[in-house]
Protein backbone atom coordinates (compact mmCIF):
# COMPACT_ATOMS: atom_id res chain seq x y z
CA UNK A 1 -20.27 133.74 80.63
CA UNK A 2 -19.22 136.98 82.38
CA UNK A 3 -17.68 139.62 80.14
CA UNK A 4 -14.49 141.17 81.49
CA UNK A 5 -14.10 144.95 81.16
CA UNK A 6 -11.10 146.18 79.20
CA UNK A 7 -8.63 148.77 80.32
CA UNK A 8 -11.13 151.54 79.60
CA UNK A 9 -13.94 149.92 81.49
CA UNK A 10 -15.92 148.92 78.39
CA UNK A 11 -17.34 145.47 78.11
CA UNK A 12 -16.84 143.61 74.78
CA UNK A 13 -20.06 142.49 73.14
CA UNK A 14 -20.14 138.82 72.25
CA UNK A 15 -19.55 138.26 68.50
CA UNK A 16 -21.92 135.86 66.85
CA UNK A 17 -20.22 133.21 64.75
CA UNK A 18 -21.84 132.26 61.46
CA UNK A 19 -23.68 129.01 61.59
CA UNK A 20 -21.96 126.58 59.29
CA UNK A 21 -25.19 124.68 58.86
CA UNK A 22 -26.98 127.84 57.61
CA UNK A 23 -24.81 128.02 54.49
CA UNK A 24 -24.60 124.46 53.24
CA UNK A 25 -23.51 125.57 49.72
CA UNK A 26 -20.42 127.37 50.95
CA UNK A 27 -17.13 125.66 50.27
CA UNK A 28 -14.75 124.87 53.12
CA UNK A 29 -12.56 127.75 51.98
CA UNK A 30 -15.45 130.18 52.17
CA UNK A 31 -15.79 130.55 48.34
CA UNK A 32 -19.08 130.28 46.44
CA UNK A 33 -19.47 126.98 44.58
CA UNK A 34 -18.68 127.01 40.84
CA UNK A 35 -21.61 126.81 38.42
CA UNK A 36 -22.00 123.40 36.82
CA UNK A 37 -20.27 123.21 33.38
CA UNK A 38 -22.60 123.10 30.35
CA UNK A 39 -22.53 119.83 28.49
CA UNK A 40 -21.18 120.00 24.86
CA UNK A 41 -22.98 118.60 21.82
CA UNK A 42 -23.60 114.92 21.94
CA UNK A 43 -21.76 112.45 19.75
CA UNK A 44 -24.83 112.05 17.55
CA UNK A 45 -25.05 115.81 17.02
CA UNK A 46 -21.35 116.04 16.13
CA UNK A 47 -21.73 113.16 13.68
CA UNK A 48 -24.76 114.83 12.05
CA UNK A 49 -22.86 118.12 11.69
CA UNK A 50 -19.82 116.42 10.13
CA UNK A 51 -22.08 114.46 7.78
CA UNK A 52 -23.83 117.67 6.67
CA UNK A 53 -20.45 119.34 6.08
CA UNK A 54 -19.28 116.42 3.94
CA UNK A 55 -22.50 116.42 1.93
CA UNK A 56 -22.18 120.16 1.31
CA UNK A 57 -18.55 119.79 0.19
CA UNK A 58 -19.49 116.93 -2.11
CA UNK A 59 -22.30 118.97 -3.70
CA UNK A 60 -19.95 121.92 -4.21
CA UNK A 61 -17.37 119.65 -5.84
CA UNK A 62 -19.95 118.07 -8.17
CA UNK A 63 -21.18 121.54 -9.24
CA UNK A 64 -17.60 122.70 -9.77
CA UNK A 65 -16.76 119.65 -11.88
CA UNK A 66 -19.86 120.13 -14.02
CA UNK A 67 -19.00 123.79 -14.58
CA UNK A 68 -15.40 122.94 -15.53
CA UNK A 69 -16.55 120.20 -17.92
CA UNK A 70 -19.09 122.56 -19.51
CA UNK A 71 -16.51 125.34 -19.91
CA UNK A 72 -13.99 122.88 -21.36
CA UNK A 73 -16.51 121.64 -23.92
CA UNK A 74 -17.46 125.20 -24.87
CA UNK A 75 -13.80 126.11 -25.38
CA UNK A 76 -13.25 122.97 -27.46
CA UNK A 77 -16.29 123.74 -29.62
CA UNK A 78 -15.22 127.37 -30.03
CA UNK A 79 -11.75 126.33 -31.11
CA UNK A 80 -13.16 123.85 -33.61
CA UNK A 81 -15.48 126.49 -35.07
CA UNK A 82 -12.63 128.99 -35.35
CA UNK A 83 -10.51 126.53 -37.33
CA UNK A 84 -13.39 125.49 -39.58
CA UNK A 85 -14.32 129.14 -40.15
CA UNK A 86 -10.77 129.88 -41.28
CA UNK A 87 -11.03 127.08 -43.88
CA UNK A 88 -14.20 128.39 -45.52
CA UNK A 89 -12.33 130.52 -48.05
CA UNK A 90 -10.20 127.49 -48.98
CA UNK A 91 -13.38 125.47 -49.55
CA UNK A 92 -14.75 128.34 -51.67
CA UNK A 93 -11.64 128.20 -53.87
CA UNK A 94 -12.00 124.43 -54.21
CA UNK A 95 -15.63 124.85 -55.22
CA UNK A 96 -14.76 127.41 -57.89
CA UNK A 97 -11.98 125.20 -59.24
CA UNK A 98 -14.43 122.32 -59.43
CA UNK A 99 -16.94 124.45 -61.37
CA UNK A 100 -14.26 125.29 -63.94
CA UNK A 101 -13.10 121.69 -64.29
CA UNK A 102 -9.74 122.37 -62.66
CA UNK A 103 -10.17 119.95 -59.77
CA UNK A 104 -8.21 117.00 -61.10
CA UNK A 105 -5.34 114.70 -60.20
CA UNK A 106 -3.53 115.19 -56.92
CA UNK A 107 -5.33 118.48 -56.29
CA UNK A 108 -8.66 116.63 -56.31
CA UNK A 109 -7.36 114.07 -53.85
CA UNK A 110 -6.27 116.83 -51.46
CA UNK A 111 -9.61 118.62 -51.87
CA UNK A 112 -11.55 115.42 -51.16
CA UNK A 113 -9.45 114.76 -48.05
CA UNK A 114 -10.04 118.31 -46.80
CA UNK A 115 -13.78 118.07 -47.34
CA UNK A 116 -13.89 114.70 -45.61
CA UNK A 117 -11.96 116.02 -42.62
CA UNK A 118 -14.09 119.13 -42.19
CA UNK A 119 -17.23 117.02 -42.51
CA UNK A 120 -15.95 114.71 -39.77
CA UNK A 121 -15.75 117.72 -37.45
CA UNK A 122 -19.36 118.66 -38.16
CA UNK A 123 -19.03 121.21 -40.97
CA UNK A 124 -22.06 121.08 -43.25
CA UNK A 125 -22.66 123.06 -46.45
CA UNK A 126 -26.12 124.37 -47.29
CA UNK A 127 -27.79 126.59 -49.82
CA UNK A 128 -28.90 125.14 -53.18
CA UNK A 129 -31.18 126.33 -55.93
CA UNK A 130 -34.80 125.42 -55.31
CA UNK A 131 -34.52 125.31 -51.52
CA UNK A 132 -37.09 127.35 -49.57
CA UNK A 133 -35.67 130.70 -48.49
CA UNK A 134 -34.91 130.94 -44.77
CA UNK A 135 -33.78 134.38 -43.55
CA UNK A 136 -32.08 132.73 -40.57
CA UNK A 137 -29.77 130.80 -42.93
CA UNK A 138 -29.80 132.70 -46.22
CA UNK A 139 -28.81 136.24 -47.11
CA UNK A 140 -30.86 137.46 -50.09
CA UNK A 141 -29.06 140.04 -52.23
CA UNK A 142 -31.50 140.28 -55.14
CA UNK A 143 -35.05 139.39 -56.15
CA UNK A 144 -35.50 137.36 -59.35
CA UNK A 145 -39.22 138.05 -59.78
CA UNK A 146 -41.99 135.47 -59.63
CA UNK A 147 -42.35 131.91 -60.86
CA UNK A 148 -45.20 129.44 -61.11
CA UNK A 149 -42.71 126.62 -60.44
CA UNK A 150 -42.38 127.46 -56.73
CA UNK A 151 -45.01 127.38 -54.01
CA UNK A 152 -43.06 129.58 -51.59
CA UNK A 153 -40.21 132.06 -51.75
CA UNK A 154 -37.26 129.98 -52.87
CA UNK A 155 -33.61 130.25 -53.84
CA UNK A 156 -33.21 131.08 -57.53
CA UNK A 157 -29.43 131.45 -57.58
CA UNK A 158 -26.58 130.78 -55.15
CA UNK A 159 -23.67 133.20 -55.14
CA UNK A 160 -21.92 131.74 -52.11
CA UNK A 161 -22.59 128.51 -50.22
CA UNK A 162 -23.37 128.72 -46.50
CA UNK A 163 -21.82 126.58 -43.78
CA UNK A 164 -22.94 125.50 -40.32
CA UNK A 165 -21.74 123.30 -37.46
CA UNK A 166 -24.69 121.65 -35.80
CA UNK A 167 -27.25 124.39 -35.19
CA UNK A 168 -24.67 127.20 -35.32
CA UNK A 169 -24.41 129.12 -38.59
CA UNK A 170 -20.78 129.88 -39.42
CA UNK A 171 -21.71 131.74 -42.60
CA UNK A 172 -25.11 132.33 -44.22
CA UNK A 173 -25.59 131.41 -47.85
CA UNK A 174 -25.68 134.40 -50.23
CA UNK A 175 -28.56 133.90 -52.64
CA UNK A 176 -31.06 135.44 -55.01
CA UNK A 177 -34.73 134.60 -54.40
CA UNK A 178 -37.87 134.12 -56.46
CA UNK A 179 -41.45 134.44 -55.22
CA UNK A 180 -44.37 132.23 -56.22
CA UNK A 181 -46.60 133.64 -58.96
CA UNK A 182 -49.95 135.13 -57.92
CA UNK A 183 -52.71 132.74 -59.16
CA UNK A 184 -55.26 135.55 -59.36
CA UNK A 185 -52.94 137.54 -61.59
CA UNK A 186 -52.54 134.52 -63.88
CA UNK A 187 -56.31 134.05 -64.07
CA UNK A 188 -56.82 137.71 -64.90
CA UNK A 189 -54.14 137.57 -67.59
CA UNK A 190 -55.73 134.44 -69.09
CA UNK A 191 -59.15 136.11 -69.15
CA UNK A 192 -57.72 139.20 -70.82
CA UNK A 193 -56.01 137.03 -73.41
CA UNK A 194 -59.27 135.22 -74.13
CA UNK A 195 -61.15 138.48 -74.62
CA UNK A 196 -58.47 139.80 -76.97
CA UNK A 197 -58.47 136.64 -79.06
CA UNK A 198 -60.14 137.08 -82.52
CA UNK A 199 -63.55 135.42 -83.00
């Protein structure tokens, strides 16, 4: 094809047209094709995730319920111990009245009902003469010497009864203690007595 000169005598160079077959990925509008969309999680994966979430929520709820139940029981026990502790002085007065023979008639009935009620809620008295001395439960305020009648340090006198609820000591027993006699000392004393005896 012959090129015609323009008004200035220049000849236009033929312009090459892009080969449509050379760019098969091009869209008809000349835009680059969009990248393929990434596939989301499968139905099985979504179900597994939701199941794990539910299991985690259930475990958290179970732990929360256990903690609430434990705290509620601790508060209930603390309240019970506070009330029982406040009644110890009343029980002391009842005990002293009983020792002096003043616990009679209607007063005795009330005292028995009070003791029965406190016992129902777990209050237990301890500390009696002859019991082995336990520093975790007894408070020794004096030492009564030694005695051959005991094999271990024991309670010789009780000044104030102790009380506990289960394993918890509300008040230790106030006592005086006696130690077992030393056998070697007794043997030495017997030997000395035998030597001093007249022939």
